[in-house]
Amino acid sequence: MGRLADRVALITGGSRGFGRATALCFAAEGADVVLAYRAAESEAASVVAQIERTGRQALAVRADVAHAGDTAALAEQALGAFGRVDILVNNAGIMDVAPFATQDPATWTAMIDVNVYGMLTLTRALLPSMTGRRAGRIINLSSQLGHVGSENFAVYSGTKGFVLAFTRSLAREVGPHGITVNAICPGAIVTDMNRSIYPPERQRTRAAELPVRRMGDPDDIAKAALYLASEDGRFMTGQCLDVNGGSVMV
């Protein structure tokens, strides 16, 4: 039946990258999936079609998590379609790379709205149904830059550090209600969002720097999320899984 048999998962940023890989992985393990996307409608439809071919149900919902109205509507549609959400994966994120001193403040707002505010509003929208059933898994996507930071990533790193602190605090708050809250900190993984940072030659040199001698891929993140979402991870809460090939060890 699979490790997520008959569970319902809601994944933001579900049309590509980590979100897409996680949606397909969860469906393969028996989950029905609601995937939120902001603009990539055809990619979202492709993921839905792939999931439905496995025999599971899927629903794509257009939502910009930077807007509280969208996250409220997203939660309402997911609960209306499936009656519950067992697993929430706050994956949607954006990144702007620039020196802090010259970075456009509008990009600060954009990163905070998506990476922080979207996680907060969607989590709060779904918490009542999880606490009512005394069960739930919340998985937040942070980054290795939330641990260590890096030049030209000051605000992005700050948003991901917020994700870690929020994860640990909320885990203490909702644990007595049967809900676990964990984070995943990816690093050294090529995605659509960071492909400009990792052109092919840089991928080769970066892989040679890592203890495992290879770059990661979105499936590595999906498998970490599967562990946290399944009964295998039932005793994990307030933690961050660092999936980075050994690039950062904390």
C-alpha atoms as a PDB file:
ATOM      1  CA  MET A   1       0.000   0.000   0.000  1.00  0.00           C
ATOM      2  CA  GLY A   2       2.902   2.381   0.507  1.00  0.00           C
ATOM      3  CA  ARG A   3       4.174   4.363   3.458  1.00  0.00           C
ATOM      4  CA  LEU A   4       1.648   7.161   2.909  1.00  0.00           C
ATOM      5  CA  ALA A   5      -1.362   5.039   2.026  1.00  0.00           C
ATOM      6  CA  ASP A   6      -4.540   7.110   1.885  1.00  0.00           C
ATOM      7  CA  ARG A   7      -2.874  10.221   3.317  1.00  0.00           C
ATOM      8  CA  VAL A   8      -3.512  13.662   1.842  1.00  0.00           C
ATOM      9  CA  ALA A   9      -0.563  15.963   1.219  1.00  0.00           C
ATOM     10  CA  LEU A  10      -0.543  19.646   0.295  1.00  0.00           C
ATOM     11  CA  ILE A  11       2.683  20.830  -1.328  1.00  0.00           C
ATOM     12  CA  THR A  12       3.378  24.442  -2.266  1.00  0.00           C
ATOM     13  CA  GLY A  13       5.611  25.146  -5.236  1.00  0.00           C
ATOM     14  CA  GLY A  14       4.480  21.757  -6.462  1.00  0.00           C
ATOM     15  CA  SER A  15       4.901  22.168 -10.202  1.00  0.00           C
ATOM     16  CA  ARG A  16       8.699  21.900 -10.374  1.00  0.00           C
ATOM     17  CA  GLY A  17      11.897  21.252  -8.452  1.00  0.00           C
ATOM     18  CA  PHE A  18      11.630  19.909  -4.930  1.00  0.00           C
ATOM     19  CA  GLY A  19       7.860  20.268  -4.930  1.00  0.00           C
ATOM     20  CA  ARG A  20       7.350  18.233  -8.081  1.00  0.00           C
ATOM     21  CA  ALA A  21       9.705  15.481  -6.928  1.00  0.00           C
ATOM     22  CA  THR A  22       7.987  15.331  -3.539  1.00  0.00           C
ATOM     23  CA  ALA A  23       4.508  15.228  -5.057  1.00  0.00           C
ATOM     24  CA  LEU A  24       5.437  12.295  -7.298  1.00  0.00           C
ATOM     25  CA  CYS A  25       7.251  10.494  -4.471  1.00  0.00           C
ATOM     26  CA  PHE A  26       4.309  10.876  -2.084  1.00  0.00           C
ATOM     27  CA  ALA A  27       1.844   9.666  -4.704  1.00  0.00           C
ATOM     28  CA  ALA A  28       4.009   6.621  -5.410  1.00  0.00           C
ATOM     29  CA  GLU A  29       3.750   5.843  -1.691  1.00  0.00           C
ATOM     30  CA  GLY A  30      -0.056   6.028  -1.698  1.00  0.00           C
ATOM     31  CA  ALA A  31      -0.882   9.675  -0.988  1.00  0.00           C
ATOM     32  CA  ASP A  32      -3.375  11.929  -2.704  1.00  0.00           C
ATOM     33  CA  VAL A  33      -1.801  15.291  -3.458  1.00  0.00           C
ATOM     34  CA  VAL A  34      -2.849  18.922  -3.647  1.00  0.00           C
ATOM     35  CA  LEU A  35      -0.125  20.895  -5.367  1.00  0.00           C
ATOM     36  CA  ALA A  36      -0.071  24.668  -5.348  1.00  0.00           C
ATOM     37  CA  TYR A  37       1.579  26.621  -8.115  1.00  0.00           C
ATOM     38  CA  ARG A  38       1.922  30.313  -8.840  1.00  0.00           C
ATOM     39  CA  ALA A  39       2.380  30.506 -12.623  1.00  0.00           C
ATOM     40  CA  ALA A  40       3.516  27.206 -14.151  1.00  0.00           C
ATOM     41  CA  GLU A  41       0.067  25.888 -15.070  1.00  0.00           C
ATOM     42  CA  SER A  42       1.196  23.414 -17.742  1.00  0.00           C
ATOM     43  CA  GLU A  43       3.886  21.970 -15.469  1.00  0.00           C
ATOM     44  CA  ALA A  44       1.340  21.591 -12.660  1.00  0.00           C
ATOM     45  CA  ALA A  45      -1.079  19.835 -15.020  1.00  0.00           C
ATOM     46  CA  SER A  46       1.712  17.467 -16.042  1.00  0.00           C
ATOM     47  CA  VAL A  47       2.363  16.531 -12.414  1.00  0.00           C
ATOM     48  CA  VAL A  48      -1.356  15.957 -11.839  1.00  0.00           C
ATOM     49  CA  ALA A  49      -1.515  13.684 -14.878  1.00  0.00           C
ATOM     50  CA  GLN A  50       1.484  11.665 -13.715  1.00  0.00           C
ATOM     51  CA  ILE A  51      -0.029  11.223 -10.275  1.00  0.00           C
ATOM     52  CA  GLU A  52      -3.401  10.180 -11.636  1.00  0.00           C
ATOM     53  CA  ARG A  53      -1.721   7.506 -13.755  1.00  0.00           C
ATOM     54  CA  THR A  54      -0.555   5.909 -10.497  1.00  0.00           C
ATOM     55  CA  GLY A  55      -4.172   5.596  -9.387  1.00  0.00           C
ATOM     56  CA  ARG A  56      -3.996   8.385  -6.795  1.00  0.00           C
ATOM     57  CA  GLN A  57      -5.961  11.625  -6.852  1.00  0.00           C
ATOM     58  CA  ALA A  58      -4.358  15.017  -7.456  1.00  0.00           C
ATOM     59  CA  LEU A  59      -5.535  18.600  -7.539  1.00  0.00           C
ATOM     60  CA  ALA A  60      -3.573  21.596  -8.828  1.00  0.00           C
ATOM     61  CA  VAL A  61      -4.486  24.973  -7.324  1.00  0.00           C
ATOM     62  CA  ARG A  62      -3.156  28.300  -8.515  1.00  0.00           C
ATOM     63  CA  ALA A  63      -2.062  30.259  -5.454  1.00  0.00           C
ATOM     64  CA  ASP A  64       0.483  32.943  -4.708  1.00  0.00           C
ATOM     65  CA  VAL A  65       1.483  32.189  -1.131  1.00  0.00           C
ATOM     66  CA  ALA A  66       2.689  35.773  -0.715  1.00  0.00           C
ATOM     67  CA  HIS A  67      -0.990  36.741  -0.370  1.00  0.00           C
ATOM     68  CA  ALA A  68      -2.954  35.640   2.682  1.00  0.00           C
ATOM     69  CA  GLY A  69      -6.151  35.481   0.655  1.00  0.00           C
ATOM     70  CA  ASP A  70      -4.578  32.928  -1.651  1.00  0.00           C
ATOM     71  CA  THR A  71      -3.331  30.714   1.177  1.00  0.00           C
ATOM     72  CA  ALA A  72      -6.726  30.809   2.871  1.00  0.00           C
ATOM     73  CA  ALA A  73      -8.418  29.828  -0.399  1.00  0.00           C
ATOM     74  CA  LEU A  74      -5.824  27.103  -0.987  1.00  0.00           C
ATOM     75  CA  ALA A  75      -6.460  25.560   2.409  1.00  0.00           C
ATOM     76  CA  GLU A  76     -10.214  25.774   1.868  1.00  0.00           C
ATOM     77  CA  GLN A  77      -9.991  24.056  -1.525  1.00  0.00           C
ATOM     78  CA  ALA A  78      -7.784  21.274  -0.189  1.00  0.00           C
ATOM     79  CA  LEU A  79     -10.056  20.602   2.767  1.00  0.00           C
ATOM     80  CA  GLY A  80     -13.133  20.839   0.580  1.00  0.00           C
ATOM     81  CA  ALA A  81     -11.780  18.352  -1.936  1.00  0.00           C
ATOM     82  CA  PHE A  82     -10.350  15.770   0.458  1.00  0.00           C
ATOM     83  CA  GLY A  83     -11.796  16.537   3.884  1.00  0.00           C
ATOM     84  CA  ARG A  84      -8.394  16.824   5.536  1.00  0.00           C
ATOM     85  CA  VAL A  85      -4.725  17.540   4.989  1.00  0.00           C
ATOM     86  CA  ASP A  86      -2.438  15.079   6.757  1.00  0.00           C
ATOM     87  CA  ILE A  87       0.866  16.443   5.448  1.00  0.00           C
ATOM     88  CA  LEU A  88       1.778  20.049   4.680  1.00  0.00           C
ATOM     89  CA  VAL A  89       4.991  20.738   2.788  1.00  0.00           C
ATOM     90  CA  ASN A  90       5.835  24.445   2.775  1.00  0.00           C
ATOM     91  CA  ASN A  91       8.165  24.307  -0.201  1.00  0.00           C
ATOM     92  CA  ALA A  92       7.451  27.480  -2.209  1.00  0.00           C
ATOM     93  CA  GLY A  93      10.382  29.850  -2.169  1.00  0.00           C
ATOM     94  CA  ILE A  94      12.158  32.543  -4.150  1.00  0.00           C
ATOM     95  CA  MET A  95      15.735  33.783  -4.109  1.00  0.00           C
ATOM     96  CA  ASP A  96      17.512  36.950  -5.186  1.00  0.00           C
ATOM     97  CA  VAL A  97      21.314  36.971  -5.221  1.00  0.00           C
ATOM     98  CA  ALA A  98      22.962  40.359  -4.773  1.00  0.00           C
ATOM     99  CA  PRO A  99      25.125  42.318  -2.323  1.00  0.00           C
ATOM    100  CA  PHE A 100      22.927  43.508   0.519  1.00  0.00           C
ATOM    101  CA  ALA A 101      24.138  47.112   0.186  1.00  0.00           C
ATOM    102  CA  THR A 102      22.889  47.383  -3.381  1.00  0.00           C
ATOM    103  CA  GLN A 103      19.983  44.939  -3.391  1.00  0.00           C
ATOM    104  CA  ASP A 104      16.609  46.395  -4.313  1.00  0.00           C
ATOM    105  CA  PRO A 105      14.504  46.533  -1.124  1.00  0.00           C
ATOM    106  CA  ALA A 106      11.527  45.354  -3.162  1.00  0.00           C
ATOM    107  CA  THR A 107      13.248  41.982  -3.417  1.00  0.00           C
ATOM    108  CA  TRP A 108      13.552  41.843   0.364  1.00  0.00           C
ATOM    109  CA  THR A 109       9.790  42.164   0.589  1.00  0.00           C
ATOM    110  CA  ALA A 110       9.222  39.556  -2.111  1.00  0.00           C
ATOM    111  CA  MET A 111      11.470  36.977  -0.427  1.00  0.00           C
ATOM    112  CA  ILE A 112       9.979  37.605   3.002  1.00  0.00           C
ATOM    113  CA  ASP A 113       6.426  37.418   1.662  1.00  0.00           C
ATOM    114  CA  VAL A 114       6.953  34.058  -0.061  1.00  0.00           C
ATOM    115  CA  ASN A 115       9.573  32.339   2.094  1.00  0.00           C
ATOM    116  CA  VAL A 116       8.233  33.459   5.479  1.00  0.00           C
ATOM    117  CA  TYR A 117       4.754  34.952   5.315  1.00  0.00           C
ATOM    118  CA  GLY A 118       3.393  32.281   2.984  1.00  0.00           C
ATOM    119  CA  MET A 119       4.579  29.529   5.325  1.00  0.00           C
ATOM    120  CA  LEU A 120       3.011  31.280   8.309  1.00  0.00           C
ATOM    121  CA  THR A 121      -0.399  31.948   6.795  1.00  0.00           C
ATOM    122  CA  LEU A 122      -0.852  28.525   5.205  1.00  0.00           C
ATOM    123  CA  THR A 123       0.309  26.700   8.317  1.00  0.00           C
ATOM    124  CA  ARG A 124      -2.116  28.634  10.484  1.00  0.00           C
ATOM    125  CA  ALA A 125      -4.944  28.017   8.021  1.00  0.00           C
ATOM    126  CA  LEU A 126      -4.474  24.256   8.283  1.00  0.00           C
ATOM    127  CA  LEU A 127      -3.606  23.906  11.972  1.00  0.00           C
ATOM    128  CA  PRO A 128      -7.207  23.823  13.267  1.00  0.00           C
ATOM    129  CA  SER A 129      -8.055  20.772  11.179  1.00  0.00           C
ATOM    130  CA  MET A 130      -4.840  19.020  12.254  1.00  0.00           C
ATOM    131  CA  THR A 131      -5.299  19.788  15.942  1.00  0.00           C
ATOM    132  CA  GLY A 132      -8.937  18.699  15.711  1.00  0.00           C
ATOM    133  CA  ARG A 133      -7.854  15.295  14.435  1.00  0.00           C
ATOM    134  CA  ARG A 134      -4.788  15.246  16.722  1.00  0.00           C
ATOM    135  CA  ALA A 135      -2.578  14.293  13.801  1.00  0.00           C
ATOM    136  CA  GLY A 136      -0.446  16.039  11.224  1.00  0.00           C
ATOM    137  CA  ARG A 137       2.960  16.428   9.653  1.00  0.00           C
ATOM    138  CA  ILE A 138       4.359  19.847   8.764  1.00  0.00           C
ATOM    139  CA  ILE A 139       7.568  19.974   6.713  1.00  0.00           C
ATOM    140  CA  ASN A 140       9.209  23.324   6.002  1.00  0.00           C
ATOM    141  CA  LEU A 141      11.889  23.835   3.367  1.00  0.00           C
ATOM    142  CA  SER A 142      14.801  25.825   4.755  1.00  0.00           C
ATOM    143  CA  SER A 143      18.353  25.807   3.351  1.00  0.00           C
ATOM    144  CA  GLN A 144      21.915  25.171   4.428  1.00  0.00           C
ATOM    145  CA  LEU A 145      22.219  28.968   4.106  1.00  0.00           C
ATOM    146  CA  GLY A 146      19.861  29.201   7.060  1.00  0.00           C
ATOM    147  CA  HIS A 147      22.677  27.669   9.108  1.00  0.00           C
ATOM    148  CA  VAL A 148      25.777  29.346   7.726  1.00  0.00           C
ATOM    149  CA  GLY A 149      24.842  32.212   5.430  1.00  0.00           C
ATOM    150  CA  SER A 150      26.873  33.334   2.434  1.00  0.00           C
ATOM    151  CA  GLU A 151      27.892  36.558   0.759  1.00  0.00           C
ATOM    152  CA  ASN A 152      25.206  37.980  -1.538  1.00  0.00           C
ATOM    153  CA  PHE A 153      22.522  35.904   0.209  1.00  0.00           C
ATOM    154  CA  ALA A 154      21.935  37.987   3.345  1.00  0.00           C
ATOM    155  CA  VAL A 155      18.163  38.383   3.132  1.00  0.00           C
ATOM    156  CA  TYR A 156      17.516  34.979   1.582  1.00  0.00           C
ATOM    157  CA  SER A 157      19.628  33.367   4.324  1.00  0.00           C
ATOM    158  CA  GLY A 158      17.706  35.384   6.886  1.00  0.00           C
ATOM    159  CA  THR A 159      14.378  34.052   5.641  1.00  0.00           C
ATOM    160  CA  LYS A 160      15.667  30.506   5.825  1.00  0.00           C
ATOM    161  CA  GLY A 161      17.013  31.060   9.323  1.00  0.00           C
ATOM    162  CA  PHE A 162      13.522  32.229  10.258  1.00  0.00           C
ATOM    163  CA  VAL A 163      12.132  28.958   8.894  1.00  0.00           C
ATOM    164  CA  LEU A 164      14.406  26.998  11.239  1.00  0.00           C
ATOM    165  CA  ALA A 165      13.505  29.030  14.327  1.00  0.00           C
ATOM    166  CA  PHE A 166       9.803  28.877  13.507  1.00  0.00           C
ATOM    167  CA  THR A 167       9.984  25.120  12.960  1.00  0.00           C
ATOM    168  CA  ARG A 168      11.565  24.490  16.357  1.00  0.00           C
ATOM    169  CA  SER A 169       9.194  26.770  18.235  1.00  0.00           C
ATOM    170  CA  LEU A 170       6.022  25.501  16.561  1.00  0.00           C
ATOM    171  CA  ALA A 171       7.102  21.905  17.152  1.00  0.00           C
ATOM    172  CA  ARG A 172       7.011  22.542  20.899  1.00  0.00           C
ATOM    173  CA  GLU A 173       3.642  24.245  20.643  1.00  0.00           C
ATOM    174  CA  VAL A 174       1.754  21.653  18.599  1.00  0.00           C
ATOM    175  CA  GLY A 175       3.493  18.430  19.616  1.00  0.00           C
ATOM    176  CA  PRO A 176       0.930  17.749  22.361  1.00  0.00           C
ATOM    177  CA  HIS A 177      -1.737  17.840  19.631  1.00  0.00           C
ATOM    178  CA  GLY A 178      -0.161  14.968  17.706  1.00  0.00           C
ATOM    179  CA  ILE A 179       1.535  17.165  15.100  1.00  0.00           C
ATOM    180  CA  THR A 180       5.204  17.029  14.183  1.00  0.00           C
ATOM    181  CA  VAL A 181       7.015  19.975  12.610  1.00  0.00           C
ATOM    182  CA  ASN A 182      10.362  19.537  10.891  1.00  0.00           C
ATOM    183  CA  ALA A 183      12.526  21.255   8.315  1.00  0.00           C
ATOM    184  CA  ILE A 184      14.741  20.150   5.459  1.00  0.00           C
ATOM    185  CA  CYS A 185      17.905  22.109   4.666  1.00  0.00           C
ATOM    186  CA  PRO A 186      18.989  21.385   1.087  1.00  0.00           C
ATOM    187  CA  GLY A 187      22.392  22.309  -0.251  1.00  0.00           C
ATOM    188  CA  ALA A 188      24.505  21.580  -3.327  1.00  0.00           C
ATOM    189  CA  ILE A 189      21.460  20.605  -5.359  1.00  0.00           C
ATOM    190  CA  VAL A 190      20.694  21.888  -8.847  1.00  0.00           C
ATOM    191  CA  THR A 191      17.137  23.170  -9.320  1.00  0.00           C
ATOM    192  CA  ASP A 192      15.408  25.611 -11.650  1.00  0.00           C
ATOM    193  CA  MET A 193      15.808  28.301  -8.999  1.00  0.00           C
ATOM    194  CA  ASN A 194      19.587  28.025  -8.660  1.00  0.00           C
ATOM    195  CA  ARG A 195      20.590  26.802 -12.115  1.00  0.00           C
ATOM    196  CA  SER A 196      22.221  30.151 -12.895  1.00  0.00           C
ATOM    197  CA  ILE A 197      24.497  29.659  -9.882  1.00  0.00           C
ATOM    198  CA  TYR A 198      25.398  26.139 -10.976  1.00  0.00           C
ATOM    199  CA  PRO A 199      26.180  26.102 -14.720  1.00  0.00           C
ATOM    200  CA  PRO A 200      27.568  22.742 -15.935  1.00  0.00           C
ATOM    201  CA  GLU A 201      31.230  23.535 -15.233  1.00  0.00           C
ATOM    202  CA  ARG A 202      30.445  24.777 -11.724  1.00  0.00           C
ATOM    203  CA  GLN A 203      28.414  21.630 -11.103  1.00  0.00           C
ATOM    204  CA  ARG A 204      31.485  19.531 -11.892  1.00  0.00           C
ATOM    205  CA  THR A 205      33.829  21.530  -9.688  1.00  0.00           C
ATOM    206  CA  ARG A 206      31.309  21.709  -6.833  1.00  0.00           C
ATOM    207  CA  ALA A 207      30.718  17.965  -6.972  1.00  0.00           C
ATOM    208  CA  ALA A 208      34.481  17.401  -6.666  1.00  0.00           C
ATOM    209  CA  GLU A 209      34.473  19.493  -3.469  1.00  0.00           C
ATOM    210  CA  LEU A 210      31.796  17.418  -1.738  1.00  0.00           C
ATOM    211  CA  PRO A 211      32.585  14.352   0.393  1.00  0.00           C
ATOM    212  CA  VAL A 212      30.106  12.287  -1.645  1.00  0.00           C
ATOM    213  CA  ARG A 213      31.583  13.571  -4.953  1.00  0.00           C
ATOM    214  CA  ARG A 214      28.259  14.323  -6.606  1.00  0.00           C
ATOM    215  CA  MET A 215      25.632  17.033  -6.684  1.00  0.00           C
ATOM    216  CA  GLY A 216      22.232  16.281  -5.254  1.00  0.00           C
ATOM    217  CA  ASP A 217      18.954  16.221  -7.128  1.00  0.00           C
ATOM    218  CA  PRO A 218      15.350  16.957  -6.139  1.00  0.00           C
ATOM    219  CA  ASP A 219      14.647  13.277  -5.471  1.00  0.00           C
ATOM    220  CA  ASP A 220      17.108  13.439  -2.566  1.00  0.00           C
ATOM    221  CA  ILE A 221      14.874  16.055  -0.958  1.00  0.00           C
ATOM    222  CA  ALA A 222      11.700  14.126  -1.778  1.00  0.00           C
ATOM    223  CA  LYS A 223      13.019  11.041   0.012  1.00  0.00           C
ATOM    224  CA  ALA A 224      13.896  13.093   3.084  1.00  0.00           C
ATOM    225  CA  ALA A 225      10.380  14.536   3.059  1.00  0.00           C
ATOM    226  CA  LEU A 226       8.943  11.028   2.741  1.00  0.00           C
ATOM    227  CA  TYR A 227      10.794   9.951   5.863  1.00  0.00           C
ATOM    228  CA  LEU A 228       9.472  12.898   7.848  1.00  0.00           C
ATOM    229  CA  ALA A 229       5.928  12.450   6.514  1.00  0.00           C
ATOM    230  CA  SER A 230       5.714   8.711   7.157  1.00  0.00           C
ATOM    231  CA  GLU A 231       5.488   6.685  10.331  1.00  0.00           C
ATOM    232  CA  ASP A 232       9.243   6.131  10.032  1.00  0.00           C
ATOM    233  CA  GLY A 233       9.677   9.741  11.189  1.00  0.00           C
ATOM    234  CA  ARG A 234       7.025   9.748  13.915  1.00  0.00           C
ATOM    235  CA  PHE A 235       9.553  10.516  16.686  1.00  0.00           C
ATOM    236  CA  MET A 236      11.156  13.402  14.789  1.00  0.00           C
ATOM    237  CA  THR A 237      10.023  16.914  15.585  1.00  0.00           C
ATOM    238  CA  GLY A 238      11.687  20.308  15.774  1.00  0.00           C
ATOM    239  CA  GLN A 239      14.557  18.969  13.682  1.00  0.00           C
ATOM    240  CA  CYS A 240      16.269  19.874  10.417  1.00  0.00           C
ATOM    241  CA  LEU A 241      17.431  17.197   8.018  1.00  0.00           C
ATOM    242  CA  ASP A 242      20.532  18.547   6.273  1.00  0.00           C
ATOM    243  CA  VAL A 243      20.499  17.040   2.782  1.00  0.00           C
ATOM    244  CA  ASN A 244      23.657  18.490   1.271  1.00  0.00           C
ATOM    245  CA  GLY A 245      26.213  15.810   0.453  1.00  0.00           C
ATOM    246  CA  GLY A 246      28.356  16.952   3.372  1.00  0.00           C
ATOM    247  CA  SER A 247      28.834  20.523   2.143  1.00  0.00           C
ATOM    248  CA  VAL A 248      27.840  21.860   5.577  1.00  0.00           C
ATOM    249  CA  MET A 249      28.039  19.795   8.758  1.00  0.00           C
ATOM    250  CA  VAL A 250      26.358  21.248  11.844  1.00  0.00           C
END
